[in-house]
């Protein structure tokens, strides 16, 4: 057993916008807070070229700049941010043991805010031009392509829904579908309206093979359609082939996940493991937007404070020594 002095008040797993916002709230309440991040501080927001829909920035803000400002604010109040890969959470009852880089760290509470990664199609040009012509969020980046021509890759609900959304900005969309459309009947009906209006062209049995750029700017997408090579001119590419939540490390914890491997929580954002909370894109029901992830981080921090207050109230009182 660790001594009381070695037990942190809260360990936050991940250091994206949700965890950083939570850390601002916990540290301002004098709650001892450490964040462990295995990748980039700021999460996917930090590697987004420009965030155009975050409240308070009428001209938008660079993703990295937003991440750095969130980090600076959390650290100003005393948050400790460390690089570290978490592989397990062990429930000890009143405390939790978090395994970081193979070593145990103990805390009274844990916040999981590890987010999700966009599934990739793994073709040349995809990684090289991420945020500079290749995107995974229509709401975030669609407005950059006003009157432009786009390629959307995918055939499920998200691909069709986002392609329809993107028609608000673009002159035309080529929807590249590897096999057949798998979206819901309602979405397919709506898609057909846009096809008939000439705003979207659907290409079935089309496998993307390369994203091509000239002078650092995306100009086309190469593909195999019905067994024949073809190429689609474009100003940008949006890939919608699903999300991959960062919950693999929870496999042996018993923390309950939904059918998409997102973390289930109650109304207080507490998971099925008492004292462990979740917020942001990794949580079942999340909206996958930075603004809502930040809001959930604040809500989770308040729930953690209430939980710690309850723990203190029910803790056995130490007997004071009798006066001589």
C-alpha atoms as a PDB file:
ATOM      1  CA  UNK A   1       0.000   0.000   0.000  1.00  0.00           C
ATOM      2  CA  UNK A   2       1.143   3.526  -0.845  1.00  0.00           C
ATOM      3  CA  UNK A   3       1.213   6.105   1.880  1.00  0.00           C
ATOM      4  CA  UNK A   4      -1.420   8.847   1.829  1.00  0.00           C
ATOM      5  CA  UNK A   5       1.247  11.351   0.724  1.00  0.00           C
ATOM      6  CA  UNK A   6       1.984   9.330  -2.418  1.00  0.00           C
ATOM      7  CA  UNK A   7      -1.650   9.084  -3.538  1.00  0.00           C
ATOM      8  CA  UNK A   8      -2.671  11.722  -6.078  1.00  0.00           C
ATOM      9  CA  UNK A   9      -6.132  13.267  -5.879  1.00  0.00           C
ATOM     10  CA  UNK A  10      -6.778  12.687  -9.573  1.00  0.00           C
ATOM     11  CA  UNK A  11      -4.925  11.148 -12.481  1.00  0.00           C
ATOM     12  CA  UNK A  12      -6.102  12.259 -15.903  1.00  0.00           C
ATOM     13  CA  UNK A  13      -5.340   9.936 -18.796  1.00  0.00           C
ATOM     14  CA  UNK A  14      -4.877  12.026 -21.926  1.00  0.00           C
ATOM     15  CA  UNK A  15      -4.058  15.703 -22.303  1.00  0.00           C
ATOM     16  CA  UNK A  16      -6.463  16.838 -24.998  1.00  0.00           C
ATOM     17  CA  UNK A  17      -8.927  19.731 -24.653  1.00  0.00           C
ATOM     18  CA  UNK A  18     -11.286  17.789 -22.361  1.00  0.00           C
ATOM     19  CA  UNK A  19      -8.603  16.799 -19.840  1.00  0.00           C
ATOM     20  CA  UNK A  20      -6.902  20.198 -19.973  1.00  0.00           C
ATOM     21  CA  UNK A  21     -10.206  21.955 -19.269  1.00  0.00           C
ATOM     22  CA  UNK A  22     -10.896  19.538 -16.410  1.00  0.00           C
ATOM     23  CA  UNK A  23      -7.425  20.242 -15.012  1.00  0.00           C
ATOM     24  CA  UNK A  24      -8.112  23.988 -14.965  1.00  0.00           C
ATOM     25  CA  UNK A  25     -11.136  23.341 -12.753  1.00  0.00           C
ATOM     26  CA  UNK A  26      -9.564  20.752 -10.440  1.00  0.00           C
ATOM     27  CA  UNK A  27      -6.353  22.677  -9.821  1.00  0.00           C
ATOM     28  CA  UNK A  28      -8.254  25.888  -9.068  1.00  0.00           C
ATOM     29  CA  UNK A  29      -9.996  23.857  -6.338  1.00  0.00           C
ATOM     30  CA  UNK A  30      -6.588  22.812  -4.953  1.00  0.00           C
ATOM     31  CA  UNK A  31      -7.116  19.246  -6.145  1.00  0.00           C
ATOM     32  CA  UNK A  32      -3.746  17.626  -6.797  1.00  0.00           C
ATOM     33  CA  UNK A  33      -3.808  16.807 -10.535  1.00  0.00           C
ATOM     34  CA  UNK A  34      -1.467  14.976 -12.903  1.00  0.00           C
ATOM     35  CA  UNK A  35      -2.114  14.303 -16.601  1.00  0.00           C
ATOM     36  CA  UNK A  36      -0.431  11.527 -18.609  1.00  0.00           C
ATOM     37  CA  UNK A  37      -0.307  11.872 -22.398  1.00  0.00           C
ATOM     38  CA  UNK A  38       1.334   9.321 -24.689  1.00  0.00           C
ATOM     39  CA  UNK A  39       1.123  11.402 -27.857  1.00  0.00           C
ATOM     40  CA  UNK A  40       0.688  15.118 -28.489  1.00  0.00           C
ATOM     41  CA  UNK A  41      -0.478  17.482 -25.750  1.00  0.00           C
ATOM     42  CA  UNK A  42      -3.704  18.926 -27.082  1.00  0.00           C
ATOM     43  CA  UNK A  43      -4.769  15.701 -28.787  1.00  0.00           C
ATOM     44  CA  UNK A  44      -6.283  15.847 -32.262  1.00  0.00           C
ATOM     45  CA  UNK A  45      -6.991  19.548 -31.778  1.00  0.00           C
ATOM     46  CA  UNK A  46      -3.240  20.203 -31.718  1.00  0.00           C
ATOM     47  CA  UNK A  47      -2.739  18.614 -35.130  1.00  0.00           C
ATOM     48  CA  UNK A  48      -5.703  20.368 -36.735  1.00  0.00           C
ATOM     49  CA  UNK A  49      -4.578  23.126 -39.072  1.00  0.00           C
ATOM     50  CA  UNK A  50      -7.305  25.580 -38.020  1.00  0.00           C
ATOM     51  CA  UNK A  51     -10.239  25.365 -35.622  1.00  0.00           C
ATOM     52  CA  UNK A  52     -12.956  27.593 -37.045  1.00  0.00           C
ATOM     53  CA  UNK A  53     -15.920  26.780 -34.791  1.00  0.00           C
ATOM     54  CA  UNK A  54     -14.541  27.171 -31.251  1.00  0.00           C
ATOM     55  CA  UNK A  55     -16.448  29.921 -29.395  1.00  0.00           C
ATOM     56  CA  UNK A  56     -14.617  33.163 -28.750  1.00  0.00           C
ATOM     57  CA  UNK A  57     -12.385  33.160 -31.837  1.00  0.00           C
ATOM     58  CA  UNK A  58     -14.285  34.933 -34.654  1.00  0.00           C
ATOM     59  CA  UNK A  59     -11.401  34.479 -37.082  1.00  0.00           C
ATOM     60  CA  UNK A  60     -10.692  30.904 -36.014  1.00  0.00           C
ATOM     61  CA  UNK A  61      -7.542  29.734 -34.263  1.00  0.00           C
ATOM     62  CA  UNK A  62      -4.717  27.385 -35.175  1.00  0.00           C
ATOM     63  CA  UNK A  63      -5.211  24.026 -33.502  1.00  0.00           C
ATOM     64  CA  UNK A  64      -1.708  24.007 -32.032  1.00  0.00           C
ATOM     65  CA  UNK A  65      -2.143  27.522 -30.647  1.00  0.00           C
ATOM     66  CA  UNK A  66      -5.434  26.573 -28.967  1.00  0.00           C
ATOM     67  CA  UNK A  67      -3.785  23.490 -27.454  1.00  0.00           C
ATOM     68  CA  UNK A  68      -0.844  25.521 -26.158  1.00  0.00           C
ATOM     69  CA  UNK A  69      -3.151  28.087 -24.571  1.00  0.00           C
ATOM     70  CA  UNK A  70      -5.179  25.361 -22.846  1.00  0.00           C
ATOM     71  CA  UNK A  71      -1.949  23.751 -21.603  1.00  0.00           C
ATOM     72  CA  UNK A  72      -0.582  27.065 -20.305  1.00  0.00           C
ATOM     73  CA  UNK A  73      -3.818  27.801 -18.466  1.00  0.00           C
ATOM     74  CA  UNK A  74      -3.900  24.378 -16.797  1.00  0.00           C
ATOM     75  CA  UNK A  75      -0.235  24.605 -15.789  1.00  0.00           C
ATOM     76  CA  UNK A  76      -0.701  28.136 -14.430  1.00  0.00           C
ATOM     77  CA  UNK A  77      -3.062  26.730 -11.812  1.00  0.00           C
ATOM     78  CA  UNK A  78      -0.709  23.861 -10.952  1.00  0.00           C
ATOM     79  CA  UNK A  79      -1.566  20.960 -13.261  1.00  0.00           C
ATOM     80  CA  UNK A  80       1.334  18.559 -13.781  1.00  0.00           C
ATOM     81  CA  UNK A  81       1.532  17.228 -17.354  1.00  0.00           C
ATOM     82  CA  UNK A  82       3.750  14.213 -18.035  1.00  0.00           C
ATOM     83  CA  UNK A  83       4.456  12.060 -21.068  1.00  0.00           C
ATOM     84  CA  UNK A  84       3.423   8.512 -20.290  1.00  0.00           C
ATOM     85  CA  UNK A  85       1.579   5.524 -21.758  1.00  0.00           C
ATOM     86  CA  UNK A  86      -1.162   4.092 -19.535  1.00  0.00           C
ATOM     87  CA  UNK A  87      -1.746   0.362 -19.938  1.00  0.00           C
ATOM     88  CA  UNK A  88      -4.144  -0.515 -17.101  1.00  0.00           C
ATOM     89  CA  UNK A  89      -6.326   0.749 -14.236  1.00  0.00           C
ATOM     90  CA  UNK A  90      -6.639  -1.407 -11.107  1.00  0.00           C
ATOM     91  CA  UNK A  91      -9.494  -0.867  -8.661  1.00  0.00           C
ATOM     92  CA  UNK A  92      -8.352  -0.959  -5.031  1.00  0.00           C
ATOM     93  CA  UNK A  93     -11.619   0.338  -3.643  1.00  0.00           C
ATOM     94  CA  UNK A  94     -10.819   3.730  -2.145  1.00  0.00           C
ATOM     95  CA  UNK A  95      -7.899   4.221  -4.559  1.00  0.00           C
ATOM     96  CA  UNK A  96      -7.018   3.250  -8.114  1.00  0.00           C
ATOM     97  CA  UNK A  97      -3.640   2.097  -9.395  1.00  0.00           C
ATOM     98  CA  UNK A  98      -2.814   3.393 -12.858  1.00  0.00           C
ATOM     99  CA  UNK A  99       0.005   1.630 -14.689  1.00  0.00           C
ATOM    100  CA  UNK A 100       2.085   4.277 -16.474  1.00  0.00           C
ATOM    101  CA  UNK A 101       5.003   3.077 -18.611  1.00  0.00           C
ATOM    102  CA  UNK A 102       4.876  -0.158 -16.643  1.00  0.00           C
ATOM    103  CA  UNK A 103       5.024   1.522 -13.224  1.00  0.00           C
ATOM    104  CA  UNK A 104       2.160   1.932 -10.714  1.00  0.00           C
ATOM    105  CA  UNK A 105       0.833   5.356  -9.767  1.00  0.00           C
ATOM    106  CA  UNK A 106      -1.946   5.603  -7.200  1.00  0.00           C
ATOM    107  CA  UNK A 107      -4.832   8.074  -7.098  1.00  0.00           C
ATOM    108  CA  UNK A 108      -8.176   8.599  -5.399  1.00  0.00           C
ATOM    109  CA  UNK A 109      -9.894   9.312  -8.720  1.00  0.00           C
ATOM    110  CA  UNK A 110      -9.184   8.911 -12.428  1.00  0.00           C
ATOM    111  CA  UNK A 111     -10.457  10.815 -15.453  1.00  0.00           C
ATOM    112  CA  UNK A 112     -10.217   9.015 -18.796  1.00  0.00           C
ATOM    113  CA  UNK A 113     -10.071  11.556 -21.617  1.00  0.00           C
ATOM    114  CA  UNK A 114      -8.090   9.660 -24.239  1.00  0.00           C
ATOM    115  CA  UNK A 115     -10.321  10.641 -27.168  1.00  0.00           C
ATOM    116  CA  UNK A 116     -10.625   8.828 -30.464  1.00  0.00           C
ATOM    117  CA  UNK A 117      -8.514   8.622 -33.589  1.00  0.00           C
ATOM    118  CA  UNK A 118     -10.007   8.785 -37.061  1.00  0.00           C
ATOM    119  CA  UNK A 119      -9.706   5.541 -38.970  1.00  0.00           C
ATOM    120  CA  UNK A 120      -7.295   5.955 -41.846  1.00  0.00           C
ATOM    121  CA  UNK A 121      -7.336   4.543 -45.369  1.00  0.00           C
ATOM    122  CA  UNK A 122      -3.529   4.279 -45.302  1.00  0.00           C
ATOM    123  CA  UNK A 123      -2.731   5.461 -48.812  1.00  0.00           C
ATOM    124  CA  UNK A 124       0.177   7.658 -49.976  1.00  0.00           C
ATOM    125  CA  UNK A 125      -0.519  11.340 -49.349  1.00  0.00           C
ATOM    126  CA  UNK A 126      -3.022  10.837 -46.532  1.00  0.00           C
ATOM    127  CA  UNK A 127      -0.658  11.391 -43.612  1.00  0.00           C
ATOM    128  CA  UNK A 128       1.548  13.856 -45.477  1.00  0.00           C
ATOM    129  CA  UNK A 129      -1.281  16.303 -46.156  1.00  0.00           C
ATOM    130  CA  UNK A 130      -3.354  15.876 -43.006  1.00  0.00           C
ATOM    131  CA  UNK A 131      -4.834  19.281 -42.149  1.00  0.00           C
ATOM    132  CA  UNK A 132      -3.515  20.671 -45.462  1.00  0.00           C
ATOM    133  CA  UNK A 133      -6.013  19.204 -47.895  1.00  0.00           C
ATOM    134  CA  UNK A 134      -6.884  15.949 -46.105  1.00  0.00           C
ATOM    135  CA  UNK A 135      -9.522  16.194 -43.366  1.00  0.00           C
ATOM    136  CA  UNK A 136     -11.672  14.064 -41.085  1.00  0.00           C
ATOM    137  CA  UNK A 137     -14.192  16.637 -39.803  1.00  0.00           C
ATOM    138  CA  UNK A 138     -16.643  18.390 -42.141  1.00  0.00           C
ATOM    139  CA  UNK A 139     -17.974  20.680 -39.419  1.00  0.00           C
ATOM    140  CA  UNK A 140     -14.441  21.800 -38.586  1.00  0.00           C
ATOM    141  CA  UNK A 141     -13.009  22.262 -42.070  1.00  0.00           C
ATOM    142  CA  UNK A 142     -15.783  22.279 -44.660  1.00  0.00           C
ATOM    143  CA  UNK A 143     -16.091  26.071 -44.790  1.00  0.00           C
ATOM    144  CA  UNK A 144     -12.520  26.334 -46.099  1.00  0.00           C
ATOM    145  CA  UNK A 145     -13.730  24.916 -49.428  1.00  0.00           C
ATOM    146  CA  UNK A 146     -16.430  27.386 -50.397  1.00  0.00           C
ATOM    147  CA  UNK A 147     -17.261  26.894 -54.104  1.00  0.00           C
ATOM    148  CA  UNK A 148     -14.529  24.268 -54.353  1.00  0.00           C
ATOM    149  CA  UNK A 149     -14.624  20.668 -55.541  1.00  0.00           C
ATOM    150  CA  UNK A 150     -14.206  17.878 -52.992  1.00  0.00           C
ATOM    151  CA  UNK A 151     -13.704  14.137 -52.747  1.00  0.00           C
ATOM    152  CA  UNK A 152     -15.409  12.348 -49.845  1.00  0.00           C
ATOM    153  CA  UNK A 153     -14.276   8.788 -49.072  1.00  0.00           C
ATOM    154  CA  UNK A 154     -16.605   6.333 -47.339  1.00  0.00           C
ATOM    155  CA  UNK A 155     -20.035   4.761 -47.697  1.00  0.00           C
ATOM    156  CA  UNK A 156     -21.460   4.537 -44.180  1.00  0.00           C
ATOM    157  CA  UNK A 157     -23.726   6.872 -42.232  1.00  0.00           C
ATOM    158  CA  UNK A 158     -20.983   9.356 -41.368  1.00  0.00           C
ATOM    159  CA  UNK A 159     -19.666   9.599 -44.938  1.00  0.00           C
ATOM    160  CA  UNK A 160     -23.094  10.199 -46.446  1.00  0.00           C
ATOM    161  CA  UNK A 161     -24.168  12.577 -43.699  1.00  0.00           C
ATOM    162  CA  UNK A 162     -20.986  14.622 -43.939  1.00  0.00           C
ATOM    163  CA  UNK A 163     -21.057  14.659 -47.746  1.00  0.00           C
ATOM    164  CA  UNK A 164     -24.571  16.106 -47.595  1.00  0.00           C
ATOM    165  CA  UNK A 165     -23.366  18.686 -45.062  1.00  0.00           C
ATOM    166  CA  UNK A 166     -20.451  19.673 -47.301  1.00  0.00           C
ATOM    167  CA  UNK A 167     -22.820  20.549 -50.175  1.00  0.00           C
ATOM    168  CA  UNK A 168     -23.467  23.774 -48.245  1.00  0.00           C
ATOM    169  CA  UNK A 169     -20.035  24.969 -49.267  1.00  0.00           C
ATOM    170  CA  UNK A 170     -18.852  23.151 -52.360  1.00  0.00           C
ATOM    171  CA  UNK A 171     -19.630  23.278 -56.059  1.00  0.00           C
ATOM    172  CA  UNK A 172     -19.463  19.477 -56.398  1.00  0.00           C
ATOM    173  CA  UNK A 173     -18.586  16.335 -54.418  1.00  0.00           C
ATOM    174  CA  UNK A 174     -17.324  12.985 -55.690  1.00  0.00           C
ATOM    175  CA  UNK A 175     -18.273  10.318 -53.132  1.00  0.00           C
ATOM    176  CA  UNK A 176     -15.892   7.358 -53.409  1.00  0.00           C
ATOM    177  CA  UNK A 177     -17.347   4.141 -51.984  1.00  0.00           C
ATOM    178  CA  UNK A 178     -15.207   1.028 -51.772  1.00  0.00           C
ATOM    179  CA  UNK A 179     -18.136  -1.355 -52.310  1.00  0.00           C
ATOM    180  CA  UNK A 180     -21.737  -0.242 -51.801  1.00  0.00           C
ATOM    181  CA  UNK A 181     -23.523   2.438 -49.778  1.00  0.00           C
ATOM    182  CA  UNK A 182     -24.179   1.130 -46.264  1.00  0.00           C
ATOM    183  CA  UNK A 183     -25.850   4.248 -44.839  1.00  0.00           C
ATOM    184  CA  UNK A 184     -29.367   4.178 -43.415  1.00  0.00           C
ATOM    185  CA  UNK A 185     -32.352   4.278 -45.783  1.00  0.00           C
ATOM    186  CA  UNK A 186     -33.251   7.817 -44.673  1.00  0.00           C
ATOM    187  CA  UNK A 187     -29.750   9.092 -45.455  1.00  0.00           C
ATOM    188  CA  UNK A 188     -29.705   7.299 -48.795  1.00  0.00           C
ATOM    189  CA  UNK A 189     -32.988   8.968 -49.731  1.00  0.00           C
ATOM    190  CA  UNK A 190     -31.529  12.363 -48.838  1.00  0.00           C
ATOM    191  CA  UNK A 191     -28.331  11.531 -50.730  1.00  0.00           C
ATOM    192  CA  UNK A 192     -30.337  10.712 -53.855  1.00  0.00           C
ATOM    193  CA  UNK A 193     -31.831  14.206 -53.848  1.00  0.00           C
ATOM    194  CA  UNK A 194     -28.352  15.715 -53.994  1.00  0.00           C
ATOM    195  CA  UNK A 195     -27.320  13.252 -56.709  1.00  0.00           C
ATOM    196  CA  UNK A 196     -30.314  14.233 -58.834  1.00  0.00           C
ATOM    197  CA  UNK A 197     -29.513  17.917 -58.268  1.00  0.00           C
ATOM    198  CA  UNK A 198     -25.994  17.339 -59.564  1.00  0.00           C
ATOM    199  CA  UNK A 199     -24.281  18.280 -56.306  1.00  0.00           C
ATOM    200  CA  UNK A 200     -22.928  14.793 -55.525  1.00  0.00           C
ATOM    201  CA  UNK A 201     -21.722  12.013 -57.825  1.00  0.00           C
ATOM    202  CA  UNK A 202     -21.522   8.557 -56.222  1.00  0.00           C
ATOM    203  CA  UNK A 203     -18.787   6.187 -57.407  1.00  0.00           C
ATOM    204  CA  UNK A 204     -19.377   2.614 -56.204  1.00  0.00           C
ATOM    205  CA  UNK A 205     -16.723  -0.139 -56.251  1.00  0.00           C
ATOM    206  CA  UNK A 206     -14.058   2.562 -56.045  1.00  0.00           C
ATOM    207  CA  UNK A 207     -10.892   1.928 -54.043  1.00  0.00           C
ATOM    208  CA  UNK A 208      -8.762   4.988 -53.251  1.00  0.00           C
ATOM    209  CA  UNK A 209      -5.075   4.372 -53.963  1.00  0.00           C
ATOM    210  CA  UNK A 210      -3.350   7.760 -53.593  1.00  0.00           C
ATOM    211  CA  UNK A 211      -3.920  11.400 -52.669  1.00  0.00           C
ATOM    212  CA  UNK A 212      -1.943  13.571 -55.078  1.00  0.00           C
ATOM    213  CA  UNK A 213      -0.592  17.058 -54.404  1.00  0.00           C
ATOM    214  CA  UNK A 214       1.190  19.616 -56.559  1.00  0.00           C
ATOM    215  CA  UNK A 215       3.414  22.233 -54.935  1.00  0.00           C
ATOM    216  CA  UNK A 216       2.123  21.150 -51.516  1.00  0.00           C
ATOM    217  CA  UNK A 217      -1.539  21.490 -52.459  1.00  0.00           C
ATOM    218  CA  UNK A 218      -3.932  18.543 -52.894  1.00  0.00           C
ATOM    219  CA  UNK A 219      -5.074  18.403 -56.517  1.00  0.00           C
ATOM    220  CA  UNK A 220      -6.495  14.927 -57.153  1.00  0.00           C
ATOM    221  CA  UNK A 221      -7.275  11.450 -55.868  1.00  0.00           C
ATOM    222  CA  UNK A 222      -6.207   8.298 -57.686  1.00  0.00           C
ATOM    223  CA  UNK A 223      -8.454   5.257 -57.442  1.00  0.00           C
ATOM    224  CA  UNK A 224      -9.412   1.922 -58.981  1.00  0.00           C
ATOM    225  CA  UNK A 225     -13.040   1.957 -60.116  1.00  0.00           C
ATOM    226  CA  UNK A 226     -14.576  -1.306 -61.349  1.00  0.00           C
ATOM    227  CA  UNK A 227     -11.054  -2.624 -61.825  1.00  0.00           C
ATOM    228  CA  UNK A 228      -9.850   0.316 -63.895  1.00  0.00           C
ATOM    229  CA  UNK A 229      -7.506   3.117 -62.769  1.00  0.00           C
ATOM    230  CA  UNK A 230      -9.065   6.579 -62.655  1.00  0.00           C
ATOM    231  CA  UNK A 231      -8.385   9.992 -61.142  1.00  0.00           C
ATOM    232  CA  UNK A 232     -10.630  12.642 -59.583  1.00  0.00           C
ATOM    233  CA  UNK A 233      -9.664  16.311 -59.603  1.00  0.00           C
ATOM    234  CA  UNK A 234     -10.269  17.934 -56.213  1.00  0.00           C
ATOM    235  CA  UNK A 235      -9.405  20.832 -53.946  1.00  0.00           C
ATOM    236  CA  UNK A 236      -9.592  18.697 -50.807  1.00  0.00           C
ATOM    237  CA  UNK A 237     -10.316  15.230 -49.434  1.00  0.00           C
ATOM    238  CA  UNK A 238     -12.559  14.265 -46.512  1.00  0.00           C
ATOM    239  CA  UNK A 239     -12.175  10.733 -45.138  1.00  0.00           C
ATOM    240  CA  UNK A 240     -15.091   9.229 -43.178  1.00  0.00           C
ATOM    241  CA  UNK A 241     -14.411   5.557 -42.531  1.00  0.00           C
ATOM    242  CA  UNK A 242     -15.190   5.525 -38.821  1.00  0.00           C
ATOM    243  CA  UNK A 243     -13.572   6.395 -35.505  1.00  0.00           C
ATOM    244  CA  UNK A 244     -11.285   4.273 -33.388  1.00  0.00           C
ATOM    245  CA  UNK A 245     -11.714   5.115 -29.686  1.00  0.00           C
ATOM    246  CA  UNK A 246      -8.564   4.977 -27.576  1.00  0.00           C
ATOM    247  CA  UNK A 247      -9.907   2.418 -25.127  1.00  0.00           C
ATOM    248  CA  UNK A 248      -7.713  -0.609 -25.840  1.00  0.00           C
ATOM    249  CA  UNK A 249      -5.904  -0.198 -22.513  1.00  0.00           C
ATOM    250  CA  UNK A 250      -9.203  -0.776 -20.665  1.00  0.00           C
ATOM    251  CA  UNK A 251      -9.546  -4.386 -21.872  1.00  0.00           C
ATOM    252  CA  UNK A 252      -8.852  -5.948 -18.458  1.00  0.00           C
ATOM    253  CA  UNK A 253     -10.334  -3.257 -16.216  1.00  0.00           C
ATOM    254  CA  UNK A 254     -13.993  -4.260 -16.307  1.00  0.00           C
ATOM    255  CA  UNK A 255     -14.983  -0.694 -17.241  1.00  0.00           C
ATOM    256  CA  UNK A 256     -18.108  -0.982 -19.361  1.00  0.00           C
ATOM    257  CA  UNK A 257     -17.959   0.018 -23.044  1.00  0.00           C
ATOM    258  CA  UNK A 258     -20.702   0.309 -25.651  1.00  0.00           C
ATOM    259  CA  UNK A 259     -20.862  -1.530 -28.981  1.00  0.00           C
ATOM    260  CA  UNK A 260     -18.487   1.021 -30.515  1.00  0.00           C
ATOM    261  CA  UNK A 261     -15.918   0.557 -27.686  1.00  0.00           C
ATOM    262  CA  UNK A 262     -16.745   3.989 -26.247  1.00  0.00           C
ATOM    263  CA  UNK A 263     -16.933   4.335 -22.460  1.00  0.00           C
ATOM    264  CA  UNK A 264     -20.365   4.233 -20.854  1.00  0.00           C
ATOM    265  CA  UNK A 265     -20.977   6.790 -18.105  1.00  0.00           C
ATOM    266  CA  UNK A 266     -23.804   7.869 -15.833  1.00  0.00           C
ATOM    267  CA  UNK A 267     -25.243  11.396 -15.643  1.00  0.00           C
ATOM    268  CA  UNK A 268     -22.233  12.456 -13.532  1.00  0.00           C
ATOM    269  CA  UNK A 269     -19.796  11.135 -16.165  1.00  0.00           C
ATOM    270  CA  UNK A 270     -18.739   8.312 -13.815  1.00  0.00           C
ATOM    271  CA  UNK A 271     -17.902   4.968 -15.398  1.00  0.00           C
ATOM    272  CA  UNK A 272     -18.905   1.542 -14.130  1.00  0.00           C
ATOM    273  CA  UNK A 273     -15.798   1.648 -11.914  1.00  0.00           C
ATOM    274  CA  UNK A 274     -16.531   3.890  -8.940  1.00  0.00           C
ATOM    275  CA  UNK A 275     -14.188   6.855  -8.782  1.00  0.00           C
ATOM    276  CA  UNK A 276     -13.268   6.631 -12.462  1.00  0.00           C
ATOM    277  CA  UNK A 277     -14.795   9.224 -14.809  1.00  0.00           C
ATOM    278  CA  UNK A 278     -14.718   9.802 -18.572  1.00  0.00           C
ATOM    279  CA  UNK A 279     -15.174  12.876 -20.756  1.00  0.00           C
ATOM    280  CA  UNK A 280     -14.738  14.020 -24.329  1.00  0.00           C
ATOM    281  CA  UNK A 281     -14.630  11.982 -27.528  1.00  0.00           C
ATOM    282  CA  UNK A 282     -13.887   8.692 -25.741  1.00  0.00           C
ATOM    283  CA  UNK A 283     -17.254   8.792 -23.951  1.00  0.00           C
ATOM    284  CA  UNK A 284     -20.351   7.071 -25.325  1.00  0.00           C
ATOM    285  CA  UNK A 285     -22.749   9.759 -26.549  1.00  0.00           C
ATOM    286  CA  UNK A 286     -20.062  12.389 -27.161  1.00  0.00           C
ATOM    287  CA  UNK A 287     -20.624  14.853 -30.014  1.00  0.00           C
ATOM    288  CA  UNK A 288     -16.991  14.742 -31.215  1.00  0.00           C
ATOM    289  CA  UNK A 289     -16.600  18.530 -31.046  1.00  0.00           C
ATOM    290  CA  UNK A 290     -13.870  20.430 -29.178  1.00  0.00           C
ATOM    291  CA  UNK A 291     -16.315  22.820 -27.514  1.00  0.00           C
ATOM    292  CA  UNK A 292     -18.436  20.022 -26.059  1.00  0.00           C
ATOM    293  CA  UNK A 293     -15.323  18.062 -24.997  1.00  0.00           C
ATOM    294  CA  UNK A 294     -14.154  21.120 -23.034  1.00  0.00           C
ATOM    295  CA  UNK A 295     -17.594  21.438 -21.444  1.00  0.00           C
ATOM    296  CA  UNK A 296     -17.587  17.773 -20.452  1.00  0.00           C
ATOM    297  CA  UNK A 297     -14.131  18.212 -18.949  1.00  0.00           C
ATOM    298  CA  UNK A 298     -15.457  20.993 -16.714  1.00  0.00           C
ATOM    299  CA  UNK A 299     -18.462  18.860 -15.728  1.00  0.00           C
ATOM    300  CA  UNK A 300     -16.230  15.877 -14.964  1.00  0.00           C
ATOM    301  CA  UNK A 301     -13.990  18.054 -12.780  1.00  0.00           C
ATOM    302  CA  UNK A 302     -16.966  19.201 -10.715  1.00  0.00           C
ATOM    303  CA  UNK A 303     -18.148  15.597 -10.363  1.00  0.00           C
ATOM    304  CA  UNK A 304     -14.658  14.581  -9.222  1.00  0.00           C
ATOM    305  CA  UNK A 305     -14.659  17.351  -6.614  1.00  0.00           C
ATOM    306  CA  UNK A 306     -18.016  16.149  -5.263  1.00  0.00           C
ATOM    307  CA  UNK A 307     -16.762  12.559  -5.189  1.00  0.00           C
ATOM    308  CA  UNK A 308     -13.609  13.542  -3.268  1.00  0.00           C
ATOM    309  CA  UNK A 309     -15.700  15.574  -0.799  1.00  0.00           C
ATOM    310  CA  UNK A 310     -17.892  12.533  -0.134  1.00  0.00           C
ATOM    311  CA  UNK A 311     -14.836  10.310   0.345  1.00  0.00           C
ATOM    312  CA  UNK A 312     -13.386  12.755   2.894  1.00  0.00           C
ATOM    313  CA  UNK A 313     -16.678  12.981   4.800  1.00  0.00           C
ATOM    314  CA  UNK A 314     -16.891   9.208   5.159  1.00  0.00           C
ATOM    315  CA  UNK A 315     -13.213   8.649   5.929  1.00  0.00           C
ATOM    316  CA  UNK A 316     -12.533   7.347   9.467  1.00  0.00           C
ATOM    317  CA  UNK A 317     -11.399  10.138  11.755  1.00  0.00           C
ATOM    318  CA  UNK A 318      -7.939   9.832  13.337  1.00  0.00           C
ATOM    319  CA  UNK A 319      -7.905  10.018  17.143  1.00  0.00           C
ATOM    320  CA  UNK A 320      -5.989  12.978  18.534  1.00  0.00           C
ATOM    321  CA  UNK A 321      -3.462  12.171  21.276  1.00  0.00           C
ATOM    322  CA  UNK A 322      -4.720  12.910  24.803  1.00  0.00           C
ATOM    323  CA  UNK A 323      -3.176  15.889  26.584  1.00  0.00           C
ATOM    324  CA  UNK A 324      -0.522  15.042  29.079  1.00  0.00           C
END
